[in-house]
Amino acid sequence: MVAQLEHQFRLRRLSLQGLWFYCHPMMGSMRALAAVIHQASAKNFAKAMAGDNSVRSLLEKMTECASNAYLSILERWVYEGIIDDPYGKFFIAENRSPKKVL
């Protein structure tokens, strides 16, 4: 969406109506995300999930995306013995210079 807006802006074809056209479909997701952030900042994450299907589906999608990245690192470590963790967030770290224990 941002790329579309930037492209239209650079071509000088972005009107207020065009901005609304591109932003309107995302407003529901942004509203749900704002509710989650508000509830989470109040330390009431469970309440953020209760009752609102759009919020629940957004949280499920976010959790799925985050867990897929983590599980792919875990799967590669378990099955191939390779730790592919470019950000250093995995719970196992590779020691590239092992020392002999006497």
N, C-alpha and C. Protein backbone atom coordinates (compact mmCIF):
# COMPACT_ATOMS: atom_id res chain seq x y z
N MET A 1 0.82 -1.19 0.00
CA MET A 1 0.00 0.00 0.00
C MET A 1 0.87 1.26 0.00
N VAL A 2 1.91 1.25 0.82
CA VAL A 2 2.79 2.42 0.89
C VAL A 2 3.48 2.64 -0.45
N ALA A 3 3.91 1.55 -1.07
CA ALA A 3 4.57 1.66 -2.38
C ALA A 3 3.60 2.24 -3.42
N GLN A 4 2.35 1.81 -3.37
CA GLN A 4 1.36 2.34 -4.30
C GLN A 4 1.15 3.83 -4.08
N LEU A 5 1.05 4.23 -2.82
CA LEU A 5 0.86 5.65 -2.51
C LEU A 5 2.06 6.47 -2.97
N GLU A 6 3.26 5.97 -2.70
CA GLU A 6 4.45 6.70 -3.11
C GLU A 6 4.53 6.82 -4.64
N HIS A 7 4.22 5.73 -5.32
CA HIS A 7 4.26 5.75 -6.79
C HIS A 7 3.27 6.78 -7.35
N GLN A 8 2.05 6.77 -6.84
CA GLN A 8 1.05 7.72 -7.30
C GLN A 8 1.46 9.16 -6.98
N PHE A 9 2.07 9.36 -5.80
CA PHE A 9 2.51 10.69 -5.39
C PHE A 9 3.61 11.21 -6.31
N ARG A 10 4.58 10.33 -6.63
CA ARG A 10 5.69 10.75 -7.50
C ARG A 10 5.21 11.06 -8.93
N LEU A 11 4.17 10.38 -9.35
CA LEU A 11 3.60 10.68 -10.66
C LEU A 11 2.66 11.88 -10.62
N ARG A 12 2.49 12.45 -9.44
CA ARG A 12 1.59 13.58 -9.20
C ARG A 12 0.14 13.24 -9.56
N ARG A 13 -0.23 11.98 -9.28
CA ARG A 13 -1.60 11.54 -9.55
C ARG A 13 -2.33 11.15 -8.26
N LEU A 14 -1.79 11.51 -7.12
CA LEU A 14 -2.41 11.14 -5.85
C LEU A 14 -3.33 12.27 -5.38
N SER A 15 -4.61 12.02 -5.47
CA SER A 15 -5.59 12.99 -5.01
C SER A 15 -6.09 12.54 -3.63
N LEU A 16 -6.87 13.37 -3.01
CA LEU A 16 -7.47 13.01 -1.73
C LEU A 16 -8.38 11.80 -1.90
N GLN A 17 -9.11 11.74 -2.99
CA GLN A 17 -9.97 10.59 -3.28
C GLN A 17 -9.13 9.33 -3.50
N GLY A 18 -8.01 9.45 -4.18
CA GLY A 18 -7.11 8.31 -4.39
C GLY A 18 -6.50 7.83 -3.09
N LEU A 19 -6.13 8.78 -2.23
CA LEU A 19 -5.60 8.42 -0.91
C LEU A 19 -6.63 7.63 -0.12
N TRP A 20 -7.86 8.07 -0.14
CA TRP A 20 -8.94 7.35 0.54
C TRP A 20 -9.14 5.96 -0.06
N PHE A 21 -9.08 5.85 -1.38
CA PHE A 21 -9.25 4.58 -2.07
C PHE A 21 -8.20 3.56 -1.62
N TYR A 22 -6.95 3.98 -1.51
CA TYR A 22 -5.89 3.06 -1.10
C TYR A 22 -5.90 2.76 0.40
N CYS A 23 -6.27 3.74 1.22
CA CYS A 23 -6.20 3.57 2.68
C CYS A 23 -7.43 2.91 3.29
N HIS A 24 -8.57 3.07 2.65
CA HIS A 24 -9.82 2.57 3.24
C HIS A 24 -9.81 1.08 3.58
N PRO A 25 -9.31 0.19 2.70
CA PRO A 25 -9.32 -1.24 3.04
C PRO A 25 -8.46 -1.58 4.27
N MET A 26 -7.45 -0.78 4.55
CA MET A 26 -6.56 -1.07 5.67
C MET A 26 -7.06 -0.50 6.99
N MET A 27 -8.07 0.34 6.96
CA MET A 27 -8.50 1.02 8.17
C MET A 27 -9.01 0.05 9.24
N GLY A 28 -9.69 -1.00 8.84
CA GLY A 28 -10.17 -1.99 9.82
C GLY A 28 -9.03 -2.68 10.52
N SER A 29 -8.01 -3.06 9.77
CA SER A 29 -6.84 -3.71 10.38
C SER A 29 -6.10 -2.74 11.28
N MET A 30 -5.96 -1.51 10.86
CA MET A 30 -5.28 -0.52 11.69
C MET A 30 -6.06 -0.23 12.97
N ARG A 31 -7.38 -0.20 12.88
CA ARG A 31 -8.21 0.01 14.06
C ARG A 31 -8.05 -1.16 15.04
N ALA A 32 -8.03 -2.38 14.50
CA ALA A 32 -7.85 -3.56 15.34
C ALA A 32 -6.46 -3.56 15.98
N LEU A 33 -5.45 -3.18 15.21
CA LEU A 33 -4.09 -3.11 15.75
C LEU A 33 -3.99 -2.04 16.83
N ALA A 34 -4.65 -0.93 16.65
CA ALA A 34 -4.66 0.13 17.67
C ALA A 34 -5.31 -0.37 18.96
N ALA A 35 -6.40 -1.14 18.84
CA ALA A 35 -7.06 -1.69 20.03
C ALA A 35 -6.13 -2.66 20.76
N VAL A 36 -5.41 -3.49 20.01
CA VAL A 36 -4.48 -4.44 20.63
C VAL A 36 -3.37 -3.70 21.36
N ILE A 37 -2.80 -2.69 20.71
CA ILE A 37 -1.72 -1.91 21.33
C ILE A 37 -2.21 -1.21 22.57
N HIS A 38 -3.40 -0.64 22.51
CA HIS A 38 -3.96 0.05 23.68
C HIS A 38 -4.15 -0.91 24.85
N GLN A 39 -4.75 -2.07 24.59
CA GLN A 39 -4.98 -3.04 25.65
C GLN A 39 -3.66 -3.63 26.17
N ALA A 40 -2.72 -3.90 25.26
CA ALA A 40 -1.44 -4.48 25.67
C ALA A 40 -0.65 -3.48 26.50
N SER A 41 -0.74 -2.20 26.16
CA SER A 41 -0.02 -1.19 26.95
C SER A 41 -0.63 -1.04 28.33
N ALA A 42 -1.90 -1.41 28.47
CA ALA A 42 -2.56 -1.40 29.78
C ALA A 42 -2.40 -2.73 30.48
N LYS A 43 -1.54 -3.60 29.96
CA LYS A 43 -1.24 -4.92 30.52
C LYS A 43 -2.49 -5.80 30.59
N ASN A 44 -3.36 -5.65 29.60
CA ASN A 44 -4.59 -6.42 29.57
C ASN A 44 -4.72 -7.09 28.21
N PHE A 45 -3.74 -7.93 27.86
CA PHE A 45 -3.68 -8.55 26.55
C PHE A 45 -4.87 -9.48 26.31
N ALA A 46 -5.30 -10.21 27.33
CA ALA A 46 -6.43 -11.14 27.18
C ALA A 46 -7.71 -10.38 26.82
N LYS A 47 -7.90 -9.20 27.39
CA LYS A 47 -9.08 -8.41 27.08
C LYS A 47 -9.06 -7.92 25.64
N ALA A 48 -7.86 -7.68 25.11
CA ALA A 48 -7.75 -7.23 23.73
C ALA A 48 -8.24 -8.30 22.77
N MET A 49 -8.13 -9.57 23.14
CA MET A 49 -8.54 -10.66 22.28
C MET A 49 -10.01 -11.02 22.43
N ALA A 50 -10.61 -10.65 23.52
CA ALA A 50 -11.97 -11.10 23.82
C ALA A 50 -13.01 -10.33 23.03
N GLY A 51 -13.90 -11.06 22.37
CA GLY A 51 -15.09 -10.46 21.81
C GLY A 51 -15.01 -9.89 20.41
N ASP A 52 -13.87 -9.47 19.97
CA ASP A 52 -13.76 -8.81 18.68
C ASP A 52 -13.08 -9.74 17.69
N ASN A 53 -13.83 -10.22 16.71
CA ASN A 53 -13.29 -11.18 15.74
C ASN A 53 -12.19 -10.60 14.87
N SER A 54 -12.29 -9.33 14.51
CA SER A 54 -11.25 -8.73 13.67
C SER A 54 -9.94 -8.63 14.44
N VAL A 55 -10.02 -8.31 15.73
CA VAL A 55 -8.82 -8.25 16.55
C VAL A 55 -8.23 -9.64 16.72
N ARG A 56 -9.09 -10.60 16.98
CA ARG A 56 -8.63 -11.99 17.15
C ARG A 56 -7.94 -12.49 15.88
N SER A 57 -8.53 -12.24 14.72
CA SER A 57 -7.91 -12.74 13.48
C SER A 57 -6.60 -12.02 13.21
N LEU A 58 -6.52 -10.72 13.52
CA LEU A 58 -5.27 -9.99 13.35
C LEU A 58 -4.18 -10.56 14.26
N LEU A 59 -4.53 -10.82 15.53
CA LEU A 59 -3.56 -11.39 16.46
C LEU A 59 -3.13 -12.78 16.04
N GLU A 60 -4.06 -13.57 15.55
CA GLU A 60 -3.70 -14.91 15.07
C GLU A 60 -2.74 -14.84 13.90
N LYS A 61 -2.98 -13.91 12.98
CA LYS A 61 -2.10 -13.76 11.82
C LYS A 61 -0.72 -13.29 12.25
N MET A 62 -0.66 -12.34 13.16
CA MET A 62 0.63 -11.85 13.65
C MET A 62 1.40 -12.95 14.38
N THR A 63 0.70 -13.73 15.19
CA THR A 63 1.34 -14.83 15.92
C THR A 63 1.84 -15.89 14.94
N GLU A 64 1.04 -16.19 13.94
CA GLU A 64 1.45 -17.18 12.94
C GLU A 64 2.71 -16.74 12.20
N CYS A 65 2.76 -15.49 11.79
CA CYS A 65 3.94 -14.99 11.08
C CYS A 65 5.18 -15.02 11.96
N ALA A 66 5.04 -14.60 13.21
CA ALA A 66 6.19 -14.60 14.12
C ALA A 66 6.65 -16.01 14.44
N SER A 67 5.71 -16.93 14.65
CA SER A 67 6.10 -18.29 15.00
C SER A 67 6.68 -19.04 13.80
N ASN A 68 6.25 -18.73 12.58
CA ASN A 68 6.82 -19.39 11.40
C ASN A 68 8.30 -19.09 11.27
N ALA A 69 8.69 -17.85 11.50
CA ALA A 69 10.11 -17.49 11.41
C ALA A 69 10.92 -18.24 12.47
N TYR A 70 10.41 -18.26 13.69
CA TYR A 70 11.12 -18.94 14.77
C TYR A 70 11.17 -20.45 14.52
N LEU A 71 10.07 -21.04 14.11
CA LEU A 71 10.03 -22.49 13.90
C LEU A 71 10.92 -22.92 12.74
N SER A 72 11.10 -22.08 11.74
CA SER A 72 12.01 -22.44 10.65
C SER A 72 13.46 -22.49 11.14
N ILE A 73 13.83 -21.57 12.04
CA ILE A 73 15.17 -21.61 12.64
C ILE A 73 15.32 -22.86 13.49
N LEU A 74 14.31 -23.17 14.29
CA LEU A 74 14.33 -24.34 15.15
C LEU A 74 14.42 -25.63 14.33
N GLU A 75 13.63 -25.73 13.27
CA GLU A 75 13.61 -26.92 12.43
C GLU A 75 14.97 -27.14 11.76
N ARG A 76 15.57 -26.08 11.28
CA ARG A 76 16.88 -26.23 10.63
C ARG A 76 17.94 -26.66 11.63
N TRP A 77 17.86 -26.16 12.86
CA TRP A 77 18.82 -26.54 13.90
C TRP A 77 18.65 -28.01 14.29
N VAL A 78 17.41 -28.44 14.47
CA VAL A 78 17.14 -29.82 14.90
C VAL A 78 17.52 -30.82 13.81
N TYR A 79 17.12 -30.57 12.57
CA TYR A 79 17.30 -31.56 11.51
C TYR A 79 18.63 -31.46 10.77
N GLU A 80 19.23 -30.27 10.73
CA GLU A 80 20.46 -30.11 9.97
C GLU A 80 21.66 -29.71 10.83
N GLY A 81 21.40 -29.33 12.07
CA GLY A 81 22.48 -28.90 12.95
C GLY A 81 23.02 -27.52 12.63
N ILE A 82 22.26 -26.74 11.87
CA ILE A 82 22.70 -25.41 11.45
C ILE A 82 21.87 -24.35 12.18
N ILE A 83 22.56 -23.39 12.77
CA ILE A 83 21.87 -22.28 13.42
C ILE A 83 21.92 -21.09 12.47
N ASP A 84 20.80 -20.79 11.87
CA ASP A 84 20.69 -19.67 10.93
C ASP A 84 19.88 -18.58 11.62
N ASP A 85 20.56 -17.78 12.44
CA ASP A 85 19.91 -16.76 13.26
C ASP A 85 20.60 -15.42 13.05
N PRO A 86 20.23 -14.69 11.99
CA PRO A 86 20.94 -13.45 11.68
C PRO A 86 20.77 -12.34 12.73
N TYR A 87 19.72 -12.42 13.56
CA TYR A 87 19.48 -11.36 14.54
C TYR A 87 19.88 -11.75 15.96
N GLY A 88 20.34 -12.98 16.15
CA GLY A 88 20.80 -13.40 17.47
C GLY A 88 19.70 -13.55 18.50
N LYS A 89 18.50 -13.91 18.06
CA LYS A 89 17.35 -14.03 18.97
C LYS A 89 17.01 -15.47 19.33
N PHE A 90 17.68 -16.42 18.70
CA PHE A 90 17.42 -17.84 18.97
C PHE A 90 18.00 -18.20 20.33
N PHE A 91 17.40 -19.17 21.02
CA PHE A 91 17.83 -19.51 22.37
C PHE A 91 19.12 -20.31 22.43
N ILE A 92 19.65 -20.70 21.29
CA ILE A 92 20.92 -21.43 21.19
C ILE A 92 21.88 -20.57 20.37
N ALA A 93 23.12 -20.48 20.84
CA ALA A 93 24.14 -19.74 20.10
C ALA A 93 25.29 -20.68 19.77
N GLU A 94 25.86 -20.48 18.62
CA GLU A 94 26.97 -21.31 18.18
C GLU A 94 28.28 -20.73 18.68
N ASN A 95 29.12 -21.61 19.25
CA ASN A 95 30.44 -21.21 19.70
C ASN A 95 31.42 -21.61 18.61
N ARG A 96 31.91 -20.65 17.86
CA ARG A 96 32.77 -20.95 16.72
C ARG A 96 34.21 -21.26 17.12
N SER A 97 34.57 -20.99 18.35
CA SER A 97 35.93 -21.28 18.80
C SER A 97 35.89 -22.11 20.07
N PRO A 98 35.51 -23.38 19.94
CA PRO A 98 35.45 -24.22 21.15
C PRO A 98 36.84 -24.49 21.74
N LYS A 99 36.89 -24.55 23.06
CA LYS A 99 38.14 -24.81 23.76
C LYS A 99 38.09 -26.20 24.37
N LYS A 100 39.21 -26.84 24.42
CA LYS A 100 39.27 -28.17 25.02
C LYS A 100 39.11 -28.05 26.53
N VAL A 101 38.32 -28.95 27.07
CA VAL A 101 38.12 -29.00 28.51
C VAL A 101 39.01 -30.13 29.04
N LEU A 102 39.89 -29.82 29.95
CA LEU A 102 40.78 -30.84 30.50
C LEU A 102 40.26 -31.39 31.80
